[in-house]
Amino acid sequence: MIEVFVTVNFKDKNFQTNVIVNKEMTWEKIKQLAEEQVKKQWDF
């Protein structure tokens, strides 16, 4: 497992978040996880 920092654009703002992923995980899946995490935190 590794920690990856990702910048996600959500509602015209940039958010930096970290996700813990397997080394074999694709960039698309990592990006998807980061976007879901930001949406959960900021979409109320």
N, C-alpha and C. Protein backbone atom coordinates (compact mmCIF):
# COMPACT_ATOMS: atom_id res chain seq x y z
N MET A 1 0.85 -1.18 0.00
CA MET A 1 0.00 0.00 0.00
C MET A 1 0.89 1.25 0.00
N ILE A 2 0.44 2.25 -0.74
CA ILE A 2 1.16 3.52 -0.80
C ILE A 2 0.16 4.67 -0.64
N GLU A 3 0.67 5.80 -0.21
CA GLU A 3 -0.15 6.99 -0.07
C GLU A 3 0.14 7.90 -1.27
N VAL A 4 -0.93 8.33 -1.95
CA VAL A 4 -0.79 9.17 -3.13
C VAL A 4 -1.56 10.47 -2.89
N PHE A 5 -0.93 11.59 -3.20
CA PHE A 5 -1.59 12.89 -3.10
C PHE A 5 -2.10 13.28 -4.48
N VAL A 6 -3.37 13.68 -4.53
CA VAL A 6 -4.01 13.99 -5.81
C VAL A 6 -4.71 15.35 -5.68
N THR A 7 -4.60 16.18 -6.72
CA THR A 7 -5.35 17.43 -6.77
C THR A 7 -6.58 17.21 -7.63
N VAL A 8 -7.74 17.54 -7.06
CA VAL A 8 -9.02 17.32 -7.73
C VAL A 8 -9.72 18.65 -7.90
N ASN A 9 -10.24 18.92 -9.10
CA ASN A 9 -11.03 20.11 -9.33
C ASN A 9 -12.49 19.76 -9.11
N PHE A 10 -13.13 20.46 -8.16
CA PHE A 10 -14.53 20.20 -7.81
C PHE A 10 -15.22 21.53 -7.59
N LYS A 11 -16.27 21.78 -8.35
CA LYS A 11 -17.03 23.04 -8.29
C LYS A 11 -16.10 24.24 -8.49
N ASP A 12 -15.23 24.14 -9.50
CA ASP A 12 -14.30 25.21 -9.87
C ASP A 12 -13.31 25.58 -8.79
N LYS A 13 -13.04 24.66 -7.88
CA LYS A 13 -12.02 24.85 -6.85
C LYS A 13 -11.12 23.62 -6.85
N ASN A 14 -9.84 23.83 -6.55
CA ASN A 14 -8.89 22.72 -6.47
C ASN A 14 -8.76 22.26 -5.02
N PHE A 15 -8.86 20.95 -4.84
CA PHE A 15 -8.71 20.34 -3.53
C PHE A 15 -7.60 19.30 -3.61
N GLN A 16 -6.75 19.29 -2.61
CA GLN A 16 -5.71 18.27 -2.56
C GLN A 16 -6.12 17.25 -1.52
N THR A 17 -6.07 15.99 -1.89
CA THR A 17 -6.45 14.92 -0.99
C THR A 17 -5.46 13.78 -1.12
N ASN A 18 -5.44 12.92 -0.15
CA ASN A 18 -4.57 11.75 -0.22
C ASN A 18 -5.43 10.49 -0.19
N VAL A 19 -4.97 9.48 -0.89
CA VAL A 19 -5.64 8.18 -0.91
C VAL A 19 -4.59 7.09 -0.70
N ILE A 20 -5.00 6.05 -0.01
CA ILE A 20 -4.14 4.89 0.22
C ILE A 20 -4.54 3.83 -0.80
N VAL A 21 -3.60 3.40 -1.63
CA VAL A 21 -3.91 2.47 -2.72
C VAL A 21 -2.85 1.38 -2.83
N ASN A 22 -3.20 0.35 -3.57
CA ASN A 22 -2.23 -0.69 -3.91
C ASN A 22 -1.30 -0.17 -4.98
N LYS A 23 -0.07 -0.64 -4.99
CA LYS A 23 0.91 -0.20 -5.99
C LYS A 23 0.46 -0.55 -7.41
N GLU A 24 -0.32 -1.60 -7.57
CA GLU A 24 -0.74 -2.05 -8.90
C GLU A 24 -1.95 -1.30 -9.43
N MET A 25 -2.57 -0.44 -8.63
CA MET A 25 -3.79 0.24 -9.04
C MET A 25 -3.51 1.23 -10.17
N THR A 26 -4.42 1.32 -11.12
CA THR A 26 -4.25 2.22 -12.26
C THR A 26 -4.50 3.67 -11.84
N TRP A 27 -3.93 4.60 -12.62
CA TRP A 27 -4.11 6.02 -12.34
C TRP A 27 -5.59 6.41 -12.42
N GLU A 28 -6.34 5.81 -13.35
CA GLU A 28 -7.75 6.13 -13.50
C GLU A 28 -8.52 5.78 -12.22
N LYS A 29 -8.22 4.64 -11.64
CA LYS A 29 -8.90 4.21 -10.40
C LYS A 29 -8.50 5.10 -9.23
N ILE A 30 -7.22 5.47 -9.16
CA ILE A 30 -6.76 6.36 -8.09
C ILE A 30 -7.47 7.70 -8.19
N LYS A 31 -7.56 8.23 -9.40
CA LYS A 31 -8.23 9.51 -9.61
C LYS A 31 -9.71 9.43 -9.23
N GLN A 32 -10.35 8.32 -9.59
CA GLN A 32 -11.76 8.12 -9.26
C GLN A 32 -11.97 8.10 -7.74
N LEU A 33 -11.11 7.39 -7.03
CA LEU A 33 -11.22 7.33 -5.57
C LEU A 33 -11.04 8.71 -4.95
N ALA A 34 -10.08 9.47 -5.46
CA ALA A 34 -9.83 10.82 -4.94
C ALA A 34 -11.03 11.73 -5.19
N GLU A 35 -11.62 11.65 -6.39
CA GLU A 35 -12.79 12.47 -6.70
C GLU A 35 -13.96 12.11 -5.80
N GLU A 36 -14.19 10.83 -5.58
CA GLU A 36 -15.28 10.40 -4.70
C GLU A 36 -15.06 10.90 -3.27
N GLN A 37 -13.83 10.86 -2.82
CA GLN A 37 -13.51 11.32 -1.47
C GLN A 37 -13.79 12.82 -1.31
N VAL A 38 -13.38 13.61 -2.30
CA VAL A 38 -13.61 15.05 -2.25
C VAL A 38 -15.11 15.35 -2.30
N LYS A 39 -15.84 14.65 -3.15
CA LYS A 39 -17.29 14.86 -3.25
C LYS A 39 -17.98 14.57 -1.92
N LYS A 40 -17.59 13.51 -1.25
CA LYS A 40 -18.18 13.17 0.04
C LYS A 40 -17.92 14.26 1.08
N GLN A 41 -16.75 14.87 1.04
CA GLN A 41 -16.37 15.87 2.03
C GLN A 41 -17.01 17.23 1.76
N TRP A 42 -17.21 17.58 0.48
CA TRP A 42 -17.58 18.96 0.16
C TRP A 42 -18.93 19.12 -0.51
N ASP A 43 -19.64 18.06 -0.80
CA ASP A 43 -20.93 18.17 -1.47
C ASP A 43 -22.05 18.01 -0.45
N PHE A 44 -22.46 19.14 0.15
CA PHE A 44 -23.57 19.06 1.10
C PHE A 44 -24.72 19.88 0.71
